[in-house]
Amino acid sequence: MKINAIDLKPGNVLEHQNKLWLVLKRELVQPGKGGAFAQVELRDLRGGTKLNERFRTQETVERTSIPRETIGDPADFLRDGMVCNVMLYEGSALSVELPPSVTMEVVEADPVVRGQTASSSYKPGKLENGRRVMIPPHIGPGTRIVVNTADGSYLERAKD
């Protein structure tokens, strides 16, 4: 997918000089003389070397994207700036490994049914990403919880 250099953001992966690069920083520079350009700091995904590159704002670069089907259900837990491991072969993604857990906010929680014990019962709750999870009775809307990205299960109440 081709995008303008001005639209690059940290965390994007792009193809440049026949290599895959991770965008670390992007700064827009508007000198008094001449046209504006994007100063981009890149890191080679394979070799780890860094490169500072200037792109004219109208110049296009090839951005690498990963289809949702490659990630599967854990794609619901993706967030901007999240560090994930991507297994690539000849420029195409084979698999994506997310962090083992993420912290999310509960936006909806069913009321507690009388007579339930806290040790063995769970109630349905809805997270900020729209995903439904089973949560303990003491968790209510607005509470931040830690969720397992592999199966979407509740782990604990967030400590922040």
C-alpha atoms as a PDB file:
ATOM      1  CA  MET A   1       0.000   0.000   0.000  1.00  0.00           C
ATOM      2  CA  LYS A   2       1.537   3.324  -1.038  1.00  0.00           C
ATOM      3  CA  ILE A   3       1.213   6.318   1.306  1.00  0.00           C
ATOM      4  CA  ASN A   4       2.656   9.825   1.338  1.00  0.00           C
ATOM      5  CA  ALA A   5       5.774  10.284   3.455  1.00  0.00           C
ATOM      6  CA  ILE A   6       3.941  12.981   5.426  1.00  0.00           C
ATOM      7  CA  ASP A   7       1.498  10.297   6.670  1.00  0.00           C
ATOM      8  CA  LEU A   8       4.209   8.066   8.191  1.00  0.00           C
ATOM      9  CA  LYS A   9       3.916   7.473  11.934  1.00  0.00           C
ATOM     10  CA  PRO A  10       6.220   5.827  14.463  1.00  0.00           C
ATOM     11  CA  GLY A  11       5.537   2.081  14.478  1.00  0.00           C
ATOM     12  CA  ASN A  12       4.796   1.883  10.726  1.00  0.00           C
ATOM     13  CA  VAL A  13       6.726  -0.686   8.727  1.00  0.00           C
ATOM     14  CA  LEU A  14       7.790   0.305   5.232  1.00  0.00           C
ATOM     15  CA  GLU A  15       9.712  -1.131   2.339  1.00  0.00           C
ATOM     16  CA  HIS A  16      12.687   1.039   1.299  1.00  0.00           C
ATOM     17  CA  GLN A  17      15.905   0.082  -0.528  1.00  0.00           C
ATOM     18  CA  ASN A  18      14.627  -3.526  -0.790  1.00  0.00           C
ATOM     19  CA  LYS A  19      14.504  -3.886   3.014  1.00  0.00           C
ATOM     20  CA  LEU A  20      11.799  -3.662   5.650  1.00  0.00           C
ATOM     21  CA  TRP A  21      12.195  -0.719   8.028  1.00  0.00           C
ATOM     22  CA  LEU A  22      10.435   0.270  11.242  1.00  0.00           C
ATOM     23  CA  VAL A  23       9.693   3.999  11.597  1.00  0.00           C
ATOM     24  CA  LEU A  24      11.096   5.181  14.936  1.00  0.00           C
ATOM     25  CA  LYS A  25      10.625   8.963  14.582  1.00  0.00           C
ATOM     26  CA  ARG A  26       9.183  11.330  12.009  1.00  0.00           C
ATOM     27  CA  GLU A  27       9.661  15.077  12.005  1.00  0.00           C
ATOM     28  CA  LEU A  28       8.202  17.487   9.477  1.00  0.00           C
ATOM     29  CA  VAL A  29      10.728  20.185   8.491  1.00  0.00           C
ATOM     30  CA  GLN A  30       9.746  23.377   6.689  1.00  0.00           C
ATOM     31  CA  PRO A  31      12.925  25.270   5.831  1.00  0.00           C
ATOM     32  CA  GLY A  32      12.729  28.943   4.907  1.00  0.00           C
ATOM     33  CA  LYS A  33      14.058  28.127   1.465  1.00  0.00           C
ATOM     34  CA  GLY A  34      12.909  25.108  -0.541  1.00  0.00           C
ATOM     35  CA  GLY A  35      10.083  22.645  -0.033  1.00  0.00           C
ATOM     36  CA  ALA A  36       9.013  20.894   3.141  1.00  0.00           C
ATOM     37  CA  PHE A  37      10.243  17.374   3.849  1.00  0.00           C
ATOM     38  CA  ALA A  38       9.823  14.582   6.373  1.00  0.00           C
ATOM     39  CA  GLN A  39      12.952  13.617   8.330  1.00  0.00           C
ATOM     40  CA  VAL A  40      12.410   9.961   9.266  1.00  0.00           C
ATOM     41  CA  GLU A  41      14.498   7.756  11.550  1.00  0.00           C
ATOM     42  CA  LEU A  42      14.266   4.097  10.470  1.00  0.00           C
ATOM     43  CA  ARG A  43      15.527   0.782  11.889  1.00  0.00           C
ATOM     44  CA  ASP A  44      16.133  -2.252   9.693  1.00  0.00           C
ATOM     45  CA  LEU A  45      13.905  -5.081  10.936  1.00  0.00           C
ATOM     46  CA  ARG A  46      16.413  -7.779   9.998  1.00  0.00           C
ATOM     47  CA  GLY A  47      19.806  -6.203  10.638  1.00  0.00           C
ATOM     48  CA  GLY A  48      18.867  -3.676  13.312  1.00  0.00           C
ATOM     49  CA  THR A  49      20.850  -0.858  11.666  1.00  0.00           C
ATOM     50  CA  LYS A  50      19.457   2.671  11.837  1.00  0.00           C
ATOM     51  CA  LEU A  51      19.016   5.081   8.950  1.00  0.00           C
ATOM     52  CA  ASN A  52      17.975   8.738   8.810  1.00  0.00           C
ATOM     53  CA  GLU A  53      16.169   9.436   5.564  1.00  0.00           C
ATOM     54  CA  ARG A  54      14.577  12.550   4.078  1.00  0.00           C
ATOM     55  CA  PHE A  55      11.431  12.229   2.005  1.00  0.00           C
ATOM     56  CA  ARG A  56       9.716  15.048   0.127  1.00  0.00           C
ATOM     57  CA  THR A  57       6.205  15.459   1.519  1.00  0.00           C
ATOM     58  CA  GLN A  58       4.576  14.388  -1.751  1.00  0.00           C
ATOM     59  CA  GLU A  59       6.877  11.375  -2.183  1.00  0.00           C
ATOM     60  CA  THR A  60       5.179   8.009  -1.684  1.00  0.00           C
ATOM     61  CA  VAL A  61       6.601   5.011   0.150  1.00  0.00           C
ATOM     62  CA  GLU A  62       5.449   1.391   0.246  1.00  0.00           C
ATOM     63  CA  ARG A  63       3.891   0.680   3.624  1.00  0.00           C
ATOM     64  CA  THR A  64       3.689  -2.951   4.717  1.00  0.00           C
ATOM     65  CA  SER A  65       0.365  -3.949   6.230  1.00  0.00           C
ATOM     66  CA  ILE A  66      -0.729  -7.232   7.757  1.00  0.00           C
ATOM     67  CA  PRO A  67      -4.202  -8.645   7.041  1.00  0.00           C
ATOM     68  CA  ARG A  68      -6.461  -9.224  10.055  1.00  0.00           C
ATOM     69  CA  GLU A  69      -6.789 -12.915   9.110  1.00  0.00           C
ATOM     70  CA  THR A  70      -3.043 -13.376   9.728  1.00  0.00           C
ATOM     71  CA  ILE A  71      -3.428 -12.159  13.323  1.00  0.00           C
ATOM     72  CA  GLY A  72      -6.770 -13.830  14.053  1.00  0.00           C
ATOM     73  CA  ASP A  73      -8.964 -13.081  17.086  1.00  0.00           C
ATOM     74  CA  PRO A  74      -6.185 -11.419  19.144  1.00  0.00           C
ATOM     75  CA  ALA A  75      -6.327  -8.515  16.623  1.00  0.00           C
ATOM     76  CA  ASP A  76      -9.054  -7.054  18.874  1.00  0.00           C
ATOM     77  CA  PHE A  77      -6.347  -6.249  21.417  1.00  0.00           C
ATOM     78  CA  LEU A  78      -4.028  -4.332  19.066  1.00  0.00           C
ATOM     79  CA  ARG A  79      -3.312  -0.718  20.029  1.00  0.00           C
ATOM     80  CA  ASP A  80      -1.267   2.115  18.533  1.00  0.00           C
ATOM     81  CA  GLY A  81       2.374   1.872  19.560  1.00  0.00           C
ATOM     82  CA  MET A  82       2.093  -1.736  20.761  1.00  0.00           C
ATOM     83  CA  VAL A  83       5.260  -3.754  20.149  1.00  0.00           C
ATOM     84  CA  CYS A  84       4.531  -7.052  18.386  1.00  0.00           C
ATOM     85  CA  ASN A  85       6.787  -9.702  16.860  1.00  0.00           C
ATOM     86  CA  VAL A  86       6.025 -10.394  13.201  1.00  0.00           C
ATOM     87  CA  MET A  87       7.375 -13.469  11.417  1.00  0.00           C
ATOM     88  CA  LEU A  88       8.092 -12.545   7.786  1.00  0.00           C
ATOM     89  CA  TYR A  89       9.073 -14.574   4.770  1.00  0.00           C
ATOM     90  CA  GLU A  90      10.036 -12.762   1.547  1.00  0.00           C
ATOM     91  CA  GLY A  91       8.227  -9.621   2.638  1.00  0.00           C
ATOM     92  CA  SER A  92       4.919 -11.225   3.614  1.00  0.00           C
ATOM     93  CA  ALA A  93       3.766 -11.767   7.193  1.00  0.00           C
ATOM     94  CA  LEU A  94       3.316 -15.358   8.316  1.00  0.00           C
ATOM     95  CA  SER A  95       2.336 -14.728  11.941  1.00  0.00           C
ATOM     96  CA  VAL A  96       2.068 -11.975  14.540  1.00  0.00           C
ATOM     97  CA  GLU A  97       2.876 -12.435  18.215  1.00  0.00           C
ATOM     98  CA  LEU A  98       1.206  -9.950  20.573  1.00  0.00           C
ATOM     99  CA  PRO A  99       2.309  -9.285  24.158  1.00  0.00           C
ATOM    100  CA  PRO A 100       0.921 -11.951  26.531  1.00  0.00           C
ATOM    101  CA  SER A 101      -1.460  -9.480  28.198  1.00  0.00           C
ATOM    102  CA  VAL A 102      -2.989  -6.021  27.731  1.00  0.00           C
ATOM    103  CA  THR A 103      -4.715  -3.587  30.078  1.00  0.00           C
ATOM    104  CA  MET A 104      -8.207  -2.500  28.995  1.00  0.00           C
ATOM    105  CA  GLU A 105     -11.169  -0.731  30.518  1.00  0.00           C
ATOM    106  CA  VAL A 106     -14.499  -2.417  31.207  1.00  0.00           C
ATOM    107  CA  VAL A 107     -17.265  -0.261  29.680  1.00  0.00           C
ATOM    108  CA  GLU A 108     -20.232  -2.503  30.473  1.00  0.00           C
ATOM    109  CA  ALA A 109     -20.787  -5.086  33.194  1.00  0.00           C
ATOM    110  CA  ASP A 110     -23.907  -7.079  34.004  1.00  0.00           C
ATOM    111  CA  PRO A 111     -25.250  -6.632  37.546  1.00  0.00           C
ATOM    112  CA  VAL A 112     -24.298  -9.190  40.174  1.00  0.00           C
ATOM    113  CA  VAL A 113     -26.850 -11.950  40.753  1.00  0.00           C
ATOM    114  CA  ARG A 114     -27.673 -12.458  44.433  1.00  0.00           C
ATOM    115  CA  GLY A 115     -26.247 -15.598  45.925  1.00  0.00           C
ATOM    116  CA  GLN A 116     -23.207 -15.803  43.671  1.00  0.00           C
ATOM    117  CA  THR A 117     -19.963 -16.424  45.456  1.00  0.00           C
ATOM    118  CA  ALA A 118     -16.913 -14.431  44.452  1.00  0.00           C
ATOM    119  CA  SER A 119     -14.672 -17.472  44.315  1.00  0.00           C
ATOM    120  CA  SER A 120     -16.306 -19.443  41.523  1.00  0.00           C
ATOM    121  CA  SER A 121     -18.689 -17.244  39.540  1.00  0.00           C
ATOM    122  CA  TYR A 122     -18.071 -14.814  36.718  1.00  0.00           C
ATOM    123  CA  LYS A 123     -20.370 -12.402  34.878  1.00  0.00           C
ATOM    124  CA  PRO A 124     -20.241 -11.081  31.303  1.00  0.00           C
ATOM    125  CA  GLY A 125     -18.520  -7.751  30.694  1.00  0.00           C
ATOM    126  CA  LYS A 126     -17.732  -5.652  27.637  1.00  0.00           C
ATOM    127  CA  LEU A 127     -14.316  -4.073  27.040  1.00  0.00           C
ATOM    128  CA  GLU A 128     -13.505  -0.739  25.365  1.00  0.00           C
ATOM    129  CA  ASN A 129     -12.656  -2.584  22.123  1.00  0.00           C
ATOM    130  CA  GLY A 130     -16.119  -4.192  22.012  1.00  0.00           C
ATOM    131  CA  ARG A 131     -14.892  -7.645  23.022  1.00  0.00           C
ATOM    132  CA  ARG A 132     -16.935  -9.546  25.627  1.00  0.00           C
ATOM    133  CA  VAL A 133     -15.127 -11.311  28.493  1.00  0.00           C
ATOM    134  CA  MET A 134     -16.128 -13.090  31.673  1.00  0.00           C
ATOM    135  CA  ILE A 135     -15.177 -11.014  34.738  1.00  0.00           C
ATOM    136  CA  PRO A 136     -15.503 -11.493  38.522  1.00  0.00           C
ATOM    137  CA  PRO A 137     -18.583 -10.001  40.234  1.00  0.00           C
ATOM    138  CA  HIS A 138     -16.594  -7.226  41.970  1.00  0.00           C
ATOM    139  CA  ILE A 139     -15.504  -5.656  38.638  1.00  0.00           C
ATOM    140  CA  GLY A 140     -17.750  -2.839  37.402  1.00  0.00           C
ATOM    141  CA  PRO A 141     -17.807  -0.360  34.510  1.00  0.00           C
ATOM    142  CA  GLY A 142     -14.809   1.990  34.452  1.00  0.00           C
ATOM    143  CA  THR A 143     -12.468  -0.566  36.039  1.00  0.00           C
ATOM    144  CA  ARG A 144      -9.225  -1.319  34.195  1.00  0.00           C
ATOM    145  CA  ILE A 145      -8.362  -5.014  33.958  1.00  0.00           C
ATOM    146  CA  VAL A 146      -5.540  -7.139  32.541  1.00  0.00           C
ATOM    147  CA  VAL A 147      -6.646  -9.519  29.781  1.00  0.00           C
ATOM    148  CA  ASN A 148      -4.821 -12.517  28.297  1.00  0.00           C
ATOM    149  CA  THR A 149      -4.374 -11.786  24.547  1.00  0.00           C
ATOM    150  CA  ALA A 150      -4.191 -15.474  23.579  1.00  0.00           C
ATOM    151  CA  ASP A 151      -7.700 -16.434  24.711  1.00  0.00           C
ATOM    152  CA  GLY A 152      -9.282 -13.143  25.851  1.00  0.00           C
ATOM    153  CA  SER A 153      -9.689 -14.247  29.466  1.00  0.00           C
ATOM    154  CA  TYR A 154      -9.598 -12.057  32.603  1.00  0.00           C
ATOM    155  CA  LEU A 155      -6.287 -12.235  34.509  1.00  0.00           C
ATOM    156  CA  GLU A 156      -6.450  -9.552  37.219  1.00  0.00           C
ATOM    157  CA  ARG A 157      -7.438  -6.003  38.076  1.00  0.00           C
ATOM    158  CA  ALA A 158      -4.942  -3.486  36.665  1.00  0.00           C
ATOM    159  CA  LYS A 159      -2.537  -2.034  39.199  1.00  0.00           C
ATOM    160  CA  ASP A 160      -2.441   1.467  37.684  1.00  0.00           C
END
